[in-house]
């Protein structure tokens, strides 16, 4: 993995400084930039090209939901991991809509932060189990399946592995099919479920019985 450049966006200076110190000690992390709110983050992106942002939801001035949406418009390839507190539950679904690739509780251990960054940086999604369970509960009010074509048996297998956070390359090895075929299955799944990204796809799978949270 090439050295990653990371933006750390949170309004608590001590939290940023502590996490920046820990991130700087990882051999796959290069530059780490800081911003105290969404406005600073968006201005900083004009000067610094980064691979990934660790983005708090609740910040003064501009919250993480707005910042994520605007950041993805200007930097479509940017990966975003949402940092959330238990009290932010009502905002999690909005972060899904804004294109978040992963969710972490702010009181997570650093080993989990490292694992989340590695997963998201390589094109996968990452959910803290607690956050995932809360997202599912929050969105379970909509019990109706999305309108779309029926998911095939093979697509259901691919969907299971996507929910486990596996890359298309690893899925192709497990199913003994080409990566190009897995790419096509993923594309079909997004279209059939009307999901905009892998995070929405995982939530769809859980709500509709294709995958269960342990």
Foldseek 3Di string as FASTA:
>chain_A
DAAFEEEEEAQDPVLVVVVVVVQVPDPNHDHYHYYNALVRVVVVCVVDPGAEYAAEADGPPHGRLVSLQVVCVVVVRYAYEYEYAPVCLVCVVSNQVSPHQEYDYSPDDVVVVVVQCVLVSVPAGYYDLVSLVSNLVVPLVPLDQAAFDDQDPVLLLLLAVSLVSDDLCVSCVVVVHDSVVSVVSVVRLCVRRVRPDSVVSNSSCPSVVSDDRD
